[in-house]
Amino acid sequence: MGRNKKLRTRIAGLRSVIAIHLRKIAREQNRSVPDDTLIGHWKTEITAWQRTVKNLERRLMKGRHHED
């Protein structure tokens, strides 16, 4: 598998995990007594993954730039 394909696969995987965590947050917030600690933990993970996606996308674009 080529470098760009690996990056795209990793990005897709992270976006999938982010979506799952967003659903978990929504479900937890709808509970009668939401666990704010758990929600905070998930939000922290989402922030880290979003930062990773941004870095991977930058690397993907950088690779395309050098191929031109």
N, C-alpha and C. Protein backbone atom coordinates (compact mmCIF):
# COMPACT_ATOMS: atom_id res chain seq x y z
N MET A 1 0.86 -1.17 0.00
CA MET A 1 0.00 0.00 0.00
C MET A 1 0.90 1.23 0.00
N GLY A 2 0.57 2.20 -0.84
CA GLY A 2 1.36 3.41 -0.96
C GLY A 2 1.18 4.33 0.24
N ARG A 3 2.07 5.27 0.36
CA ARG A 3 2.07 6.21 1.49
C ARG A 3 0.76 6.98 1.57
N ASN A 4 0.30 7.54 0.42
CA ASN A 4 -0.93 8.33 0.42
C ASN A 4 -2.14 7.48 0.79
N LYS A 5 -2.17 6.25 0.32
CA LYS A 5 -3.30 5.38 0.65
C LYS A 5 -3.31 5.07 2.15
N LYS A 6 -2.13 4.86 2.73
CA LYS A 6 -2.05 4.62 4.17
C LYS A 6 -2.55 5.83 4.95
N LEU A 7 -2.17 7.01 4.49
CA LEU A 7 -2.62 8.23 5.16
C LEU A 7 -4.14 8.37 5.06
N ARG A 8 -4.68 8.13 3.86
CA ARG A 8 -6.14 8.24 3.68
C ARG A 8 -6.88 7.21 4.53
N THR A 9 -6.34 5.99 4.64
CA THR A 9 -6.95 4.95 5.45
C THR A 9 -6.94 5.35 6.92
N ARG A 10 -5.83 5.88 7.38
CA ARG A 10 -5.71 6.32 8.78
C ARG A 10 -6.69 7.45 9.07
N ILE A 11 -6.79 8.41 8.16
CA ILE A 11 -7.72 9.54 8.32
C ILE A 11 -9.16 9.03 8.40
N ALA A 12 -9.52 8.11 7.52
CA ALA A 12 -10.88 7.56 7.52
C ALA A 12 -11.17 6.84 8.84
N GLY A 13 -10.20 6.10 9.33
CA GLY A 13 -10.37 5.39 10.59
C GLY A 13 -10.56 6.34 11.76
N LEU A 14 -9.78 7.41 11.79
CA LEU A 14 -9.91 8.39 12.87
C LEU A 14 -11.26 9.10 12.81
N ARG A 15 -11.69 9.44 11.59
CA ARG A 15 -13.00 10.10 11.45
C ARG A 15 -14.13 9.18 11.92
N SER A 16 -13.97 7.89 11.68
CA SER A 16 -14.97 6.93 12.14
C SER A 16 -15.02 6.88 13.67
N VAL A 17 -13.87 6.85 14.30
CA VAL A 17 -13.80 6.81 15.75
C VAL A 17 -14.35 8.11 16.35
N ILE A 18 -14.07 9.23 15.70
CA ILE A 18 -14.61 10.51 16.16
C ILE A 18 -16.13 10.50 16.12
N ALA A 19 -16.69 9.99 15.03
CA ALA A 19 -18.15 9.91 14.90
C ALA A 19 -18.76 9.03 15.99
N ILE A 20 -18.10 7.92 16.28
CA ILE A 20 -18.59 7.02 17.34
C ILE A 20 -18.59 7.75 18.68
N HIS A 21 -17.52 8.47 18.97
CA HIS A 21 -17.44 9.19 20.25
C HIS A 21 -18.47 10.32 20.32
N LEU A 22 -18.74 10.98 19.20
CA LEU A 22 -19.77 12.02 19.20
C LEU A 22 -21.14 11.43 19.52
N ARG A 23 -21.40 10.24 18.99
CA ARG A 23 -22.67 9.57 19.31
C ARG A 23 -22.72 9.18 20.79
N LYS A 24 -21.59 8.73 21.33
CA LYS A 24 -21.53 8.38 22.75
C LYS A 24 -21.82 9.60 23.62
N ILE A 25 -21.25 10.74 23.24
CA ILE A 25 -21.47 11.98 23.99
C ILE A 25 -22.95 12.35 23.95
N ALA A 26 -23.55 12.28 22.77
CA ALA A 26 -24.97 12.63 22.64
C ALA A 26 -25.84 11.70 23.48
N ARG A 27 -25.52 10.41 23.45
CA ARG A 27 -26.29 9.45 24.23
C ARG A 27 -26.12 9.71 25.73
N GLU A 28 -24.91 10.01 26.15
CA GLU A 28 -24.65 10.26 27.57
C GLU A 28 -25.34 11.54 28.03
N GLN A 29 -25.37 12.57 27.19
CA GLN A 29 -26.01 13.83 27.55
C GLN A 29 -27.53 13.69 27.67
N ASN A 30 -28.10 12.70 26.98
CA ASN A 30 -29.54 12.48 27.05
C ASN A 30 -29.96 11.69 28.28
N ARG A 31 -29.00 11.15 29.01
CA ARG A 31 -29.33 10.41 30.23
C ARG A 31 -29.82 11.39 31.30
N SER A 32 -30.55 10.87 32.27
CA SER A 32 -31.08 11.72 33.34
C SER A 32 -29.95 12.33 34.17
N VAL A 33 -28.88 11.57 34.37
CA VAL A 33 -27.71 12.08 35.11
C VAL A 33 -26.46 11.78 34.29
N PRO A 34 -26.10 12.68 33.36
CA PRO A 34 -24.93 12.42 32.52
C PRO A 34 -23.63 12.45 33.32
N ASP A 35 -22.70 11.62 32.93
CA ASP A 35 -21.39 11.55 33.56
C ASP A 35 -20.47 12.57 32.86
N ASP A 36 -20.32 13.72 33.50
CA ASP A 36 -19.53 14.81 32.89
C ASP A 36 -18.06 14.44 32.75
N THR A 37 -17.55 13.63 33.67
CA THR A 37 -16.16 13.21 33.58
C THR A 37 -15.94 12.38 32.32
N LEU A 38 -16.85 11.47 32.06
CA LEU A 38 -16.75 10.62 30.88
C LEU A 38 -16.88 11.45 29.60
N ILE A 39 -17.80 12.38 29.60
CA ILE A 39 -18.00 13.25 28.44
C ILE A 39 -16.73 14.08 28.19
N GLY A 40 -16.15 14.60 29.26
CA GLY A 40 -14.91 15.37 29.13
C GLY A 40 -13.78 14.54 28.57
N HIS A 41 -13.70 13.30 29.01
CA HIS A 41 -12.67 12.39 28.50
C HIS A 41 -12.85 12.17 27.00
N TRP A 42 -14.07 11.90 26.58
CA TRP A 42 -14.33 11.68 25.16
C TRP A 42 -14.02 12.93 24.34
N LYS A 43 -14.38 14.10 24.87
CA LYS A 43 -14.10 15.34 24.14
C LYS A 43 -12.60 15.56 23.99
N THR A 44 -11.83 15.21 25.02
CA THR A 44 -10.38 15.34 24.95
C THR A 44 -9.82 14.42 23.87
N GLU A 45 -10.32 13.18 23.83
CA GLU A 45 -9.87 12.24 22.80
C GLU A 45 -10.22 12.75 21.41
N ILE A 46 -11.43 13.28 21.24
CA ILE A 46 -11.85 13.80 19.95
C ILE A 46 -10.94 14.94 19.50
N THR A 47 -10.62 15.84 20.42
CA THR A 47 -9.73 16.96 20.10
C THR A 47 -8.37 16.46 19.62
N ALA A 48 -7.83 15.47 20.32
CA ALA A 48 -6.53 14.91 19.93
C ALA A 48 -6.61 14.26 18.55
N TRP A 49 -7.67 13.51 18.31
CA TRP A 49 -7.83 12.84 17.01
C TRP A 49 -8.02 13.85 15.89
N GLN A 50 -8.77 14.92 16.16
CA GLN A 50 -8.95 15.95 15.14
C GLN A 50 -7.62 16.62 14.79
N ARG A 51 -6.79 16.83 15.80
CA ARG A 51 -5.46 17.39 15.56
C ARG A 51 -4.63 16.44 14.71
N THR A 52 -4.73 15.15 15.00
CA THR A 52 -4.00 14.15 14.22
C THR A 52 -4.49 14.12 12.78
N VAL A 53 -5.79 14.18 12.59
CA VAL A 53 -6.36 14.20 11.23
C VAL A 53 -5.83 15.42 10.46
N LYS A 54 -5.80 16.56 11.13
CA LYS A 54 -5.31 17.78 10.48
C LYS A 54 -3.85 17.60 10.05
N ASN A 55 -3.03 17.02 10.92
CA ASN A 55 -1.62 16.79 10.58
C ASN A 55 -1.47 15.79 9.44
N LEU A 56 -2.27 14.73 9.47
CA LEU A 56 -2.20 13.74 8.40
C LEU A 56 -2.65 14.33 7.07
N GLU A 57 -3.69 15.17 7.10
CA GLU A 57 -4.15 15.81 5.87
C GLU A 57 -3.08 16.75 5.33
N ARG A 58 -2.37 17.42 6.21
CA ARG A 58 -1.28 18.30 5.77
C ARG A 58 -0.17 17.47 5.12
N ARG A 59 0.15 16.32 5.71
CA ARG A 59 1.16 15.44 5.12
C ARG A 59 0.70 14.91 3.77
N LEU A 60 -0.59 14.61 3.66
CA LEU A 60 -1.14 14.12 2.41
C LEU A 60 -1.03 15.20 1.32
N MET A 61 -1.38 16.43 1.68
CA MET A 61 -1.29 17.53 0.72
C MET A 61 0.16 17.82 0.36
N LYS A 62 1.05 17.72 1.34
CA LYS A 62 2.46 17.95 1.07
C LYS A 62 2.99 16.92 0.08
N GLY A 63 2.56 15.68 0.24
CA GLY A 63 2.97 14.63 -0.69
C GLY A 63 2.46 14.90 -2.09
N ARG A 64 1.25 15.36 -2.22
CA ARG A 64 0.69 15.68 -3.53
C ARG A 64 1.43 16.85 -4.15
N HIS A 65 1.81 17.82 -3.33
CA HIS A 65 2.52 19.00 -3.82
C HIS A 65 3.85 18.60 -4.45
N HIS A 66 4.54 17.66 -3.83
CA HIS A 66 5.84 17.24 -4.35
C HIS A 66 5.72 16.36 -5.60
N GLU A 67 4.55 15.76 -5.80
CA GLU A 67 4.37 14.91 -6.98
C GLU A 67 4.09 15.73 -8.23
N ASP A 68 3.65 16.99 -8.07
CA ASP A 68 3.32 17.85 -9.22
C ASP A 68 4.53 18.21 -10.03
